[in-house]
Amino acid sequence: MAQDPKNILPPNIPIPKTLLLFMDGFTAKSEEEAKKIFEQALKSISCNGKLTKLNLQDGYNLFRKINPQDDLERVWCAQFIVGHLLGTHSLSLASPKDKRIGLKLLKAADDAMERLGKKQKGVANAC
């Protein structure tokens, strides 16, 4: 039996629950359902409730503009969104340690988006 091209992730690699929430939002049937899933996913990374309505709207706009085509792309998109939101939050904190963590999160988010771009352009060895 041929493998579904939309599900190309190996079954033995666990995906963190937070990323699964964002991934579910990409396949929502309606805009309202997608927004509800995104809000729930955002609450799971809320940084003690410090993500604001602006984070919600900016993150949601970004979330809806990305158009992943399969599970691997959805994982990379979810990694990008989570890394970007948490990275920018960490950079806003005063501690140098938090700023270093923020930069690492933004680098990870950038790497995920770069892999996604390469895969969508058909570049070999995008992973």
C-alpha atoms as a PDB file:
ATOM      1  CA  MET A   1       0.000   0.000   0.000  1.00  0.00           C
ATOM      2  CA  ALA A   2       1.376   3.431  -0.958  1.00  0.00           C
ATOM      3  CA  GLN A   3       2.060   5.952   1.793  1.00  0.00           C
ATOM      4  CA  ASP A   4      -0.186   8.987   1.953  1.00  0.00           C
ATOM      5  CA  PRO A   5       1.937  11.915   0.653  1.00  0.00           C
ATOM      6  CA  LYS A   6       0.343  14.203   3.268  1.00  0.00           C
ATOM      7  CA  ASN A   7       1.685  12.007   6.081  1.00  0.00           C
ATOM      8  CA  ILE A   8       5.398  11.528   5.465  1.00  0.00           C
ATOM      9  CA  LEU A   9       6.653  11.613   9.050  1.00  0.00           C
ATOM     10  CA  PRO A  10       8.051   8.369  10.421  1.00  0.00           C
ATOM     11  CA  PRO A  11       5.619   6.933  12.997  1.00  0.00           C
ATOM     12  CA  ASN A  12       8.335   6.452  15.639  1.00  0.00           C
ATOM     13  CA  ILE A  13       9.181  10.171  15.959  1.00  0.00           C
ATOM     14  CA  PRO A  14       7.017  11.776  18.659  1.00  0.00           C
ATOM     15  CA  ILE A  15       5.813  15.318  18.050  1.00  0.00           C
ATOM     16  CA  PRO A  16       5.488  17.578  21.116  1.00  0.00           C
ATOM     17  CA  LYS A  17       1.875  18.277  22.080  1.00  0.00           C
ATOM     18  CA  THR A  18       2.326  22.027  21.674  1.00  0.00           C
ATOM     19  CA  LEU A  19       3.425  21.578  18.070  1.00  0.00           C
ATOM     20  CA  LEU A  20       0.517  19.194  17.452  1.00  0.00           C
ATOM     21  CA  LEU A  21      -1.920  21.922  18.473  1.00  0.00           C
ATOM     22  CA  PHE A  22      -0.466  24.342  15.923  1.00  0.00           C
ATOM     23  CA  MET A  23      -0.342  21.580  13.285  1.00  0.00           C
ATOM     24  CA  ASP A  24      -4.056  20.874  13.819  1.00  0.00           C
ATOM     25  CA  GLY A  25      -4.834  24.503  13.115  1.00  0.00           C
ATOM     26  CA  PHE A  26      -3.353  24.257   9.624  1.00  0.00           C
ATOM     27  CA  THR A  27      -5.934  21.615   8.701  1.00  0.00           C
ATOM     28  CA  ALA A  28      -8.953  23.296  10.305  1.00  0.00           C
ATOM     29  CA  LYS A  29     -12.130  23.219   8.245  1.00  0.00           C
ATOM     30  CA  SER A  30     -13.070  26.858   8.888  1.00  0.00           C
ATOM     31  CA  GLU A  31     -11.492  30.167   9.814  1.00  0.00           C
ATOM     32  CA  GLU A  32     -13.358  30.177  13.123  1.00  0.00           C
ATOM     33  CA  GLU A  33     -12.128  26.680  14.000  1.00  0.00           C
ATOM     34  CA  ALA A  34      -8.551  27.618  13.030  1.00  0.00           C
ATOM     35  CA  LYS A  35      -8.646  30.710  15.235  1.00  0.00           C
ATOM     36  CA  LYS A  36      -9.963  28.707  18.194  1.00  0.00           C
ATOM     37  CA  ILE A  37      -7.227  26.082  17.756  1.00  0.00           C
ATOM     38  CA  PHE A  38      -4.575  28.794  17.420  1.00  0.00           C
ATOM     39  CA  GLU A  39      -5.744  30.512  20.624  1.00  0.00           C
ATOM     40  CA  GLN A  40      -5.623  27.190  22.458  1.00  0.00           C
ATOM     41  CA  ALA A  41      -2.138  26.481  21.099  1.00  0.00           C
ATOM     42  CA  LEU A  42      -0.980  29.974  22.019  1.00  0.00           C
ATOM     43  CA  LYS A  43      -2.201  29.500  25.599  1.00  0.00           C
ATOM     44  CA  SER A  44      -0.028  26.376  25.823  1.00  0.00           C
ATOM     45  CA  ILE A  45       3.074  28.565  25.342  1.00  0.00           C
ATOM     46  CA  SER A  46       1.720  31.629  27.117  1.00  0.00           C
ATOM     47  CA  CYS A  47       4.842  32.589  29.144  1.00  0.00           C
ATOM     48  CA  ASN A  48       2.767  33.024  32.307  1.00  0.00           C
ATOM     49  CA  GLY A  49       0.028  34.835  30.428  1.00  0.00           C
ATOM     50  CA  LYS A  50       2.359  37.495  29.030  1.00  0.00           C
ATOM     51  CA  LEU A  51       1.498  36.985  25.370  1.00  0.00           C
ATOM     52  CA  THR A  52      -0.801  39.866  24.520  1.00  0.00           C
ATOM     53  CA  LYS A  53      -3.684  40.382  22.122  1.00  0.00           C
ATOM     54  CA  LEU A  54      -1.116  41.838  19.707  1.00  0.00           C
ATOM     55  CA  ASN A  55       0.842  38.572  19.874  1.00  0.00           C
ATOM     56  CA  LEU A  56      -2.402  36.737  19.254  1.00  0.00           C
ATOM     57  CA  GLN A  57      -3.343  38.775  16.176  1.00  0.00           C
ATOM     58  CA  ASP A  58       0.176  38.926  14.678  1.00  0.00           C
ATOM     59  CA  GLY A  59       0.751  35.244  15.332  1.00  0.00           C
ATOM     60  CA  TYR A  60      -2.624  34.302  13.903  1.00  0.00           C
ATOM     61  CA  ASN A  61      -2.051  36.345  10.723  1.00  0.00           C
ATOM     62  CA  LEU A  62       1.281  34.610  10.218  1.00  0.00           C
ATOM     63  CA  PHE A  63      -0.287  31.258  11.054  1.00  0.00           C
ATOM     64  CA  ARG A  64      -2.961  31.656   8.346  1.00  0.00           C
ATOM     65  CA  LYS A  65      -0.555  32.884   5.635  1.00  0.00           C
ATOM     66  CA  ILE A  66       1.695  29.825   5.836  1.00  0.00           C
ATOM     67  CA  ASN A  67       0.335  27.074   3.633  1.00  0.00           C
ATOM     68  CA  PRO A  68       2.031  23.762   4.538  1.00  0.00           C
ATOM     69  CA  GLN A  69       1.327  20.876   2.176  1.00  0.00           C
ATOM     70  CA  ASP A  70       2.160  17.844   4.340  1.00  0.00           C
ATOM     71  CA  ASP A  71       2.959  16.790   7.907  1.00  0.00           C
ATOM     72  CA  LEU A  72       6.654  17.601   7.644  1.00  0.00           C
ATOM     73  CA  GLU A  73       5.881  21.132   6.471  1.00  0.00           C
ATOM     74  CA  ARG A  74       3.317  21.503   9.261  1.00  0.00           C
ATOM     75  CA  VAL A  75       5.964  20.516  11.847  1.00  0.00           C
ATOM     76  CA  TRP A  76       8.399  23.104  10.458  1.00  0.00           C
ATOM     77  CA  CYS A  77       5.700  25.793  10.382  1.00  0.00           C
ATOM     78  CA  ALA A  78       4.701  25.024  13.966  1.00  0.00           C
ATOM     79  CA  GLN A  79       8.374  25.123  15.021  1.00  0.00           C
ATOM     80  CA  PHE A  80       8.742  28.479  13.318  1.00  0.00           C
ATOM     81  CA  ILE A  81       5.701  30.008  15.002  1.00  0.00           C
ATOM     82  CA  VAL A  82       6.537  28.702  18.476  1.00  0.00           C
ATOM     83  CA  GLY A  83      10.215  29.630  18.165  1.00  0.00           C
ATOM     84  CA  HIS A  84       9.391  33.098  16.880  1.00  0.00           C
ATOM     85  CA  LEU A  85       6.812  33.903  19.562  1.00  0.00           C
ATOM     86  CA  LEU A  86       8.901  32.564  22.448  1.00  0.00           C
ATOM     87  CA  GLY A  87      12.117  34.034  21.038  1.00  0.00           C
ATOM     88  CA  THR A  88      10.732  37.542  20.724  1.00  0.00           C
ATOM     89  CA  HIS A  89       9.222  37.268  24.207  1.00  0.00           C
ATOM     90  CA  SER A  90      12.584  36.152  25.666  1.00  0.00           C
ATOM     91  CA  LEU A  91      14.364  39.043  23.965  1.00  0.00           C
ATOM     92  CA  SER A  92      12.002  41.476  25.686  1.00  0.00           C
ATOM     93  CA  LEU A  93      13.148  40.325  29.124  1.00  0.00           C
ATOM     94  CA  ALA A  94      15.961  42.038  31.006  1.00  0.00           C
ATOM     95  CA  SER A  95      18.136  39.055  31.843  1.00  0.00           C
ATOM     96  CA  PRO A  96      21.119  38.380  29.547  1.00  0.00           C
ATOM     97  CA  LYS A  97      20.409  34.646  29.932  1.00  0.00           C
ATOM     98  CA  ASP A  98      16.841  35.179  28.650  1.00  0.00           C
ATOM     99  CA  LYS A  99      18.185  37.192  25.712  1.00  0.00           C
ATOM    100  CA  ARG A 100      20.601  34.364  24.789  1.00  0.00           C
ATOM    101  CA  ILE A 101      17.737  31.871  24.940  1.00  0.00           C
ATOM    102  CA  GLY A 102      15.611  34.214  22.811  1.00  0.00           C
ATOM    103  CA  LEU A 103      18.322  34.412  20.159  1.00  0.00           C
ATOM    104  CA  LYS A 104      18.639  30.605  20.116  1.00  0.00           C
ATOM    105  CA  LEU A 105      14.864  30.256  19.730  1.00  0.00           C
ATOM    106  CA  LEU A 106      14.828  32.756  16.860  1.00  0.00           C
ATOM    107  CA  LYS A 107      17.711  30.888  15.195  1.00  0.00           C
ATOM    108  CA  ALA A 108      15.771  27.616  15.500  1.00  0.00           C
ATOM    109  CA  ALA A 109      12.682  29.317  14.051  1.00  0.00           C
ATOM    110  CA  ASP A 110      14.753  30.660  11.160  1.00  0.00           C
ATOM    111  CA  ASP A 111      16.206  27.191  10.504  1.00  0.00           C
ATOM    112  CA  ALA A 112      12.708  25.676  10.386  1.00  0.00           C
ATOM    113  CA  MET A 113      11.516  28.309   7.905  1.00  0.00           C
ATOM    114  CA  GLU A 114      14.647  27.839   5.772  1.00  0.00           C
ATOM    115  CA  ARG A 115      14.059  24.066   5.574  1.00  0.00           C
ATOM    116  CA  LEU A 116      10.416  24.685   4.669  1.00  0.00           C
ATOM    117  CA  GLY A 117      11.403  27.089   1.899  1.00  0.00           C
ATOM    118  CA  LYS A 118      13.944  24.645   0.469  1.00  0.00           C
ATOM    119  CA  LYS A 119      11.429  21.790   0.519  1.00  0.00           C
ATOM    120  CA  GLN A 120       8.746  23.859  -1.175  1.00  0.00           C
ATOM    121  CA  LYS A 121      11.231  24.900  -3.871  1.00  0.00           C
ATOM    122  CA  GLY A 122      12.188  21.268  -4.407  1.00  0.00           C
ATOM    123  CA  VAL A 123      15.802  21.624  -3.242  1.00  0.00           C
ATOM    124  CA  ALA A 124      17.355  18.239  -2.583  1.00  0.00           C
ATOM    125  CA  ASN A 125      18.345  17.496   1.007  1.00  0.00           C
ATOM    126  CA  ALA A 126      16.054  20.115   2.556  1.00  0.00           C
ATOM    127  CA  CYS A 127      15.975  18.136   5.801  1.00  0.00           C
END
